[in-house]
Protein backbone atom coordinates (compact mmCIF):
# COMPACT_ATOMS: atom_id res chain seq x y z
CA MET A 1 0.18 0.05 -0.01
CA THR A 2 1.41 3.61 -1.06
CA ASN A 3 2.10 6.39 1.62
CA HIS A 4 1.69 8.59 -1.09
CA LYS A 5 -1.31 10.83 -0.45
CA THR A 6 -4.42 9.33 -2.54
CA GLY A 7 -7.29 11.08 -3.49
CA THR A 8 -10.66 10.68 -6.66
CA ARG A 9 -10.12 11.85 -9.64
CA GLU A 10 -11.86 14.82 -9.00
CA GLU A 11 -9.52 15.91 -6.50
CA TRP A 12 -6.50 15.10 -8.54
CA LEU A 13 -8.04 17.36 -11.42
CA ALA A 14 -8.69 20.27 -9.40
CA ALA A 15 -4.99 19.94 -7.76
CA ARG A 16 -3.77 19.77 -11.25
CA LEU A 17 -5.50 22.93 -12.95
CA GLU A 18 -3.97 24.72 -10.16
CA LEU A 19 -0.45 23.17 -11.02
CA LEU A 20 -0.64 24.31 -14.85
CA GLU A 21 -1.12 27.58 -13.66
CA GLU A 22 2.10 27.43 -11.96
CA GLU A 23 3.73 25.36 -15.20
CA LYS A 24 2.42 28.14 -17.34
CA ALA A 25 3.45 31.17 -15.68
CA LEU A 26 7.26 29.00 -15.74
CA THR A 27 7.10 28.62 -19.05
CA ARG A 28 6.61 32.35 -19.72
CA ARG A 29 9.17 33.04 -17.02
CA GLY A 30 11.42 30.71 -19.06
CA ASP A 31 10.51 32.24 -22.86
CA GLU A 32 11.29 35.58 -21.08
CA LEU A 33 15.09 34.20 -19.75
CA ALA A 34 15.41 32.96 -23.35
CA ARG A 35 15.06 36.30 -24.82
CA ARG A 36 17.62 37.81 -22.30
CA ARG A 37 19.94 34.93 -23.36
CA ARG A 38 20.08 36.47 -26.95
CA ALA A 39 19.95 39.50 -25.84
CA LEU A 40 23.37 39.72 -24.25
CA PRO A 41 26.00 41.82 -25.45
CA TRP A 42 28.46 39.48 -27.81
CA VAL A 43 32.11 39.52 -26.58
CA ARG A 44 34.83 39.34 -29.73
CA ILE A 45 36.88 36.35 -29.28
CA ASP A 46 40.48 37.09 -30.52
CA LYS A 47 42.61 34.52 -29.20
CA PRO A 48 44.34 31.92 -31.64
CA TYR A 49 42.46 28.76 -30.02
CA ARG A 50 43.62 25.12 -31.79
CA PHE A 51 42.08 22.05 -31.16
CA GLU A 52 41.99 18.59 -32.84
CA THR A 53 39.57 16.92 -34.28
CA ASP A 54 38.85 13.60 -36.77
CA GLU A 55 39.60 15.81 -39.33
CA GLY A 56 42.67 17.14 -38.10
CA ALA A 57 44.07 20.11 -36.55
CA ALA A 58 41.32 22.79 -36.01
CA SER A 59 40.61 26.61 -35.19
CA LEU A 60 37.68 27.97 -33.14
CA VAL A 61 36.37 29.08 -36.43
CA ASP A 62 36.23 25.49 -37.84
CA LEU A 63 34.12 24.12 -34.95
CA PHE A 64 31.48 25.85 -36.77
CA ARG A 65 31.54 23.52 -39.78
CA GLY A 66 30.21 26.43 -41.88
CA ARG A 67 27.52 27.22 -39.41
CA SER A 68 26.42 30.83 -37.98
CA GLN A 69 26.23 29.60 -34.67
CA LEU A 70 27.77 27.28 -32.16
CA LEU A 71 26.82 25.24 -29.08
CA ILE A 72 30.05 23.83 -27.16
CA TYR A 73 29.35 21.18 -24.00
CA HIS A 74 32.36 21.35 -21.95
CA PHE A 75 32.91 17.98 -21.25
CA MET A 76 35.02 16.69 -18.19
CA PHE A 77 37.46 14.51 -19.88
CA GLY A 78 41.15 15.57 -18.76
CA PRO A 79 44.46 14.09 -19.85
CA ASP A 80 44.48 12.09 -17.08
CA TYR A 81 41.65 10.37 -17.11
CA THR A 82 41.08 7.09 -18.61
CA ALA A 83 37.59 7.24 -19.20
CA GLY A 84 34.67 10.62 -19.39
CA CYS A 85 33.28 11.73 -16.61
CA PRO A 86 29.91 9.39 -15.94
CA SER A 87 27.47 12.78 -15.47
CA CYS A 88 28.77 14.35 -18.65
CA SER A 89 28.66 10.65 -20.16
CA ALA A 90 24.73 10.55 -19.57
CA ILE A 91 24.24 14.19 -21.17
CA ALA A 92 26.04 13.56 -23.85
CA ASP A 93 23.84 10.51 -24.22
CA GLY A 94 21.24 12.80 -25.99
CA PHE A 95 23.50 14.82 -28.25
CA ASN A 96 23.26 12.42 -31.44
CA GLY A 97 19.67 12.49 -31.78
CA SER A 98 19.84 16.55 -31.26
CA VAL A 99 23.24 16.97 -33.86
CA VAL A 100 21.21 16.82 -36.83
CA HIS A 101 17.93 18.99 -36.05
CA LEU A 102 20.59 21.56 -34.90
CA ALA A 103 22.37 21.14 -38.07
CA ASN A 104 19.33 22.45 -39.78
CA HIS A 105 18.67 25.18 -37.85
CA ASP A 106 22.27 26.54 -38.18
CA VAL A 107 23.68 25.33 -35.28
CA THR A 108 26.81 23.49 -34.55
CA LEU A 109 26.60 20.85 -31.55
CA CYS A 110 30.08 20.26 -30.37
CA ALA A 111 31.52 18.63 -27.02
CA VAL A 112 35.52 20.40 -26.35
CA SER A 113 37.70 18.08 -23.75
CA ARG A 114 40.89 18.59 -22.07
CA ALA A 115 42.33 14.93 -22.91
CA GLN A 116 44.00 13.94 -26.14
CA LEU A 117 42.23 12.87 -29.28
CA SER A 118 42.99 9.55 -29.03
CA LYS A 119 41.40 8.70 -26.02
CA LEU A 120 38.22 10.82 -26.89
CA GLN A 121 37.78 8.71 -29.99
CA ALA A 122 38.55 5.41 -28.02
CA TYR A 123 35.89 6.40 -25.43
CA LYS A 124 33.18 7.92 -28.26
CA GLN A 125 33.55 4.70 -29.97
CA ARG A 126 32.38 2.34 -26.50
CA MET A 127 29.69 4.90 -25.55
CA GLY A 128 28.45 4.52 -29.74
CA TRP A 129 28.28 8.25 -29.97
CA SER A 130 29.30 10.19 -33.27
CA PHE A 131 28.55 14.21 -32.44
CA PRO A 132 31.72 15.77 -32.90
CA TRP A 133 34.16 15.92 -30.35
CA ALA A 134 37.36 17.99 -30.46
CA SER A 135 40.17 17.98 -28.37
CA SER A 136 41.49 21.05 -26.82
CA PHE A 137 44.79 19.66 -25.30
CA GLY A 138 47.81 22.07 -24.80
CA SER A 139 44.87 25.37 -25.42
CA ASP A 140 43.55 27.65 -22.99
CA PHE A 141 40.41 26.70 -24.39
CA ASN A 142 38.92 25.68 -21.26
CA TYR A 143 40.57 27.88 -18.71
CA ASP A 144 39.68 30.67 -20.12
CA PHE A 145 35.78 29.21 -20.46
CA GLN A 146 35.76 28.53 -16.60
CA ALA A 147 35.81 24.57 -17.54
CA ALA A 148 39.18 23.83 -16.22
CA TYR A 149 41.82 24.98 -13.58
CA THR A 150 45.59 24.83 -12.93
CA GLU A 151 46.86 22.75 -10.43
CA GLU A 152 48.24 25.75 -9.05
CA GLN A 153 44.88 27.76 -9.09
CA GLN A 154 43.03 24.97 -7.33
CA GLN A 155 45.42 25.01 -4.41
CA SER A 156 44.96 28.92 -4.34
CA GLY A 157 41.29 27.95 -2.96
CA ALA A 158 40.13 30.94 -5.16
CA VAL A 159 38.89 30.07 -8.64
CA GLU A 160 36.04 31.48 -10.85
CA TYR A 161 33.06 28.96 -11.50
CA ASN A 162 29.52 30.06 -12.74
CA PHE A 163 30.90 33.40 -12.63
CA ARG A 164 31.54 33.30 -8.55
CA THR A 165 34.40 32.57 -6.59
CA MET A 166 34.49 29.27 -5.17
CA ASP A 167 36.80 27.23 -3.23
CA VAL A 168 37.31 23.97 -5.40
CA ARG A 169 39.98 22.19 -2.89
CA PRO A 170 38.94 19.26 -2.04
CA SER A 171 38.38 18.74 1.36
CA PRO A 172 39.25 15.89 4.33
CA GLN A 173 36.87 13.13 4.66
CA ASP A 174 38.12 11.68 7.49
CA GLY A 175 37.45 8.42 6.69
CA GLN A 176 34.08 9.12 5.05
CA PRO A 177 32.56 7.49 2.20
CA ASN A 178 32.95 10.38 -0.51
CA PRO A 179 30.93 9.73 -3.75
CA ILE A 180 32.96 12.50 -5.84
CA ALA A 181 36.29 10.52 -4.97
CA GLU A 182 34.55 7.20 -6.12
CA ILE A 183 33.39 9.09 -9.67
CA ALA A 184 37.27 10.37 -9.79
CA ALA A 185 38.17 6.52 -8.93
CA GLY A 186 36.06 5.70 -11.94
CA VAL A 187 37.90 7.74 -14.26
CA GLY A 188 41.28 6.50 -13.24
CA THR A 189 42.17 9.40 -11.24
CA ASP A 190 42.21 11.10 -7.76
CA LEU A 191 39.94 13.79 -6.12
CA ALA A 192 42.01 16.91 -6.87
CA THR A 193 42.43 15.77 -10.25
CA TYR A 194 39.44 14.99 -11.17
CA THR A 195 37.67 17.98 -9.61
CA ARG A 196 39.95 20.22 -11.53
CA GLU A 197 37.89 19.52 -14.68
CA VAL A 198 34.72 21.04 -14.32
CA PRO A 199 31.18 20.88 -16.74
CA GLY A 200 29.99 23.66 -18.72
CA MET A 201 28.44 25.11 -21.74
CA SER A 202 28.97 27.96 -23.90
CA ALA A 203 27.39 29.24 -27.20
CA PHE A 204 29.39 31.54 -29.67
CA ALA A 205 28.35 33.62 -33.13
CA LEU A 206 30.27 33.45 -35.95
CA GLU A 207 29.75 36.99 -38.19
CA ASP A 208 31.96 38.28 -41.27
CA GLY A 209 34.48 35.61 -39.91
CA VAL A 210 34.85 37.02 -36.33
CA VAL A 211 33.62 34.88 -33.52
CA TYR A 212 31.94 35.94 -30.62
CA HIS A 213 31.00 34.47 -26.95
CA ILE A 214 27.37 34.76 -26.38
CA TYR A 215 26.98 32.97 -23.14
CA SER A 216 27.64 30.35 -20.96
CA ALA A 217 26.56 28.43 -17.93
CA PHE A 218 27.53 26.16 -15.44
CA ALA A 219 26.60 23.69 -12.46
CA ARG A 220 22.50 23.88 -11.79
CA GLY A 221 22.42 26.01 -14.99
CA LEU A 222 22.65 22.34 -17.18
CA ASP A 223 20.32 20.34 -15.58
CA SER A 224 18.01 21.24 -18.37
CA LEU A 225 20.33 20.14 -21.04
CA TRP A 226 20.26 16.51 -19.30
CA GLY A 227 17.06 14.87 -20.83
CA MET A 228 17.05 12.54 -18.11
CA TYR A 229 16.56 14.61 -15.85
CA GLN A 230 13.46 16.44 -17.66
CA TRP A 231 11.70 12.81 -17.47
CA LEU A 232 12.65 11.84 -14.09
CA ASP A 233 11.12 15.22 -13.15
CA ARG A 234 8.00 13.72 -14.34
CA ALA A 235 8.03 10.40 -12.63
CA PRO A 236 6.73 9.36 -9.36
CA LEU A 237 9.94 9.36 -7.32
CA GLY A 238 11.17 11.92 -9.21
CA ARG A 239 15.28 12.00 -9.71
CA ASN A 240 15.77 9.11 -7.04
CA GLU A 241 19.04 10.53 -5.74
CA ASN A 242 18.35 8.92 -2.10
CA LEU A 243 17.22 5.66 -3.85
CA PHE A 244 20.20 3.70 -2.89
CA VAL A 245 21.32 5.07 0.29
CA GLY A 246 21.78 2.52 2.97
CA THR A 247 22.69 -0.39 0.23
CA GLY A 248 25.86 -0.25 1.57
CA ASP A 249 27.15 -0.15 -2.17
CA LEU A 250 29.32 3.09 -2.39
CA ARG A 251 29.18 3.18 -6.00
CA ALA A 252 25.08 3.53 -5.32
CA SER A 253 25.72 6.70 -3.81
CA VAL A 254 26.00 8.12 -7.68
CA TRP A 255 22.65 7.04 -8.71
CA TYR A 256 23.38 7.18 -12.30
CA ARG A 257 26.13 4.97 -14.48
CA ARG A 258 27.01 5.31 -17.92
CA HIS A 259 24.63 3.46 -20.37
CA ASP A 260 26.92 0.17 -20.47
CA GLU A 261 27.33 0.01 -16.91
CA TYR A 262 23.54 -0.44 -15.31
CA LYS A 263 23.04 -4.10 -14.59
CA SER A 264 20.21 -5.88 -16.91
């Protein structure tokens, strides 16, 4: 027997209509925020960033692939990683189906990571992905767009992330299980190295041969890009973050997996 509140169809409908008004207000608010995103001032990018892609060496202009708009997902995959971040991987699972639709709206979607191209290609094959993925290995690109920090920056205790100063030094755990350390082990590295990479997305425009930075988002600002979250938020149990608490399985403390790691 469920412990959740139950009711009649009439009670459900009354509550649903009340919620619908709030959902409509949120939708209208979202439309206004989207308009304000597009109204942000454009910032010219003159720095000559270089990338490695499946097609060879590339500039930032080349990543547009002949289109006027570029959306970049800053995928957590550092040079010392042996696999991509599982949360970034879950988000990227939705990219393949979106790429063709975005391309027909004059938009290129591309992931960018600091790992060497060979690592990205191997992981891409493992995951069965086909979207463009560029390596910024040796470039300042990820650092300049708040998607990575140097060891010195991390140890300083003051870095810029999500447009504010944060302390990203790993905290001592006093012997307690740390889900983030477990994720770090899952990408073949330690907690400090893992957390020097951070997720984000950035939008760029190309006009008359000049690239402009339009928008970036980080942290919870990426939730709307995670297709699985949008479905789970409409499921009876929501995101299930606490579903596995108390199982004694440390891996269960991180409730998402790479899609080839779930048990059947």
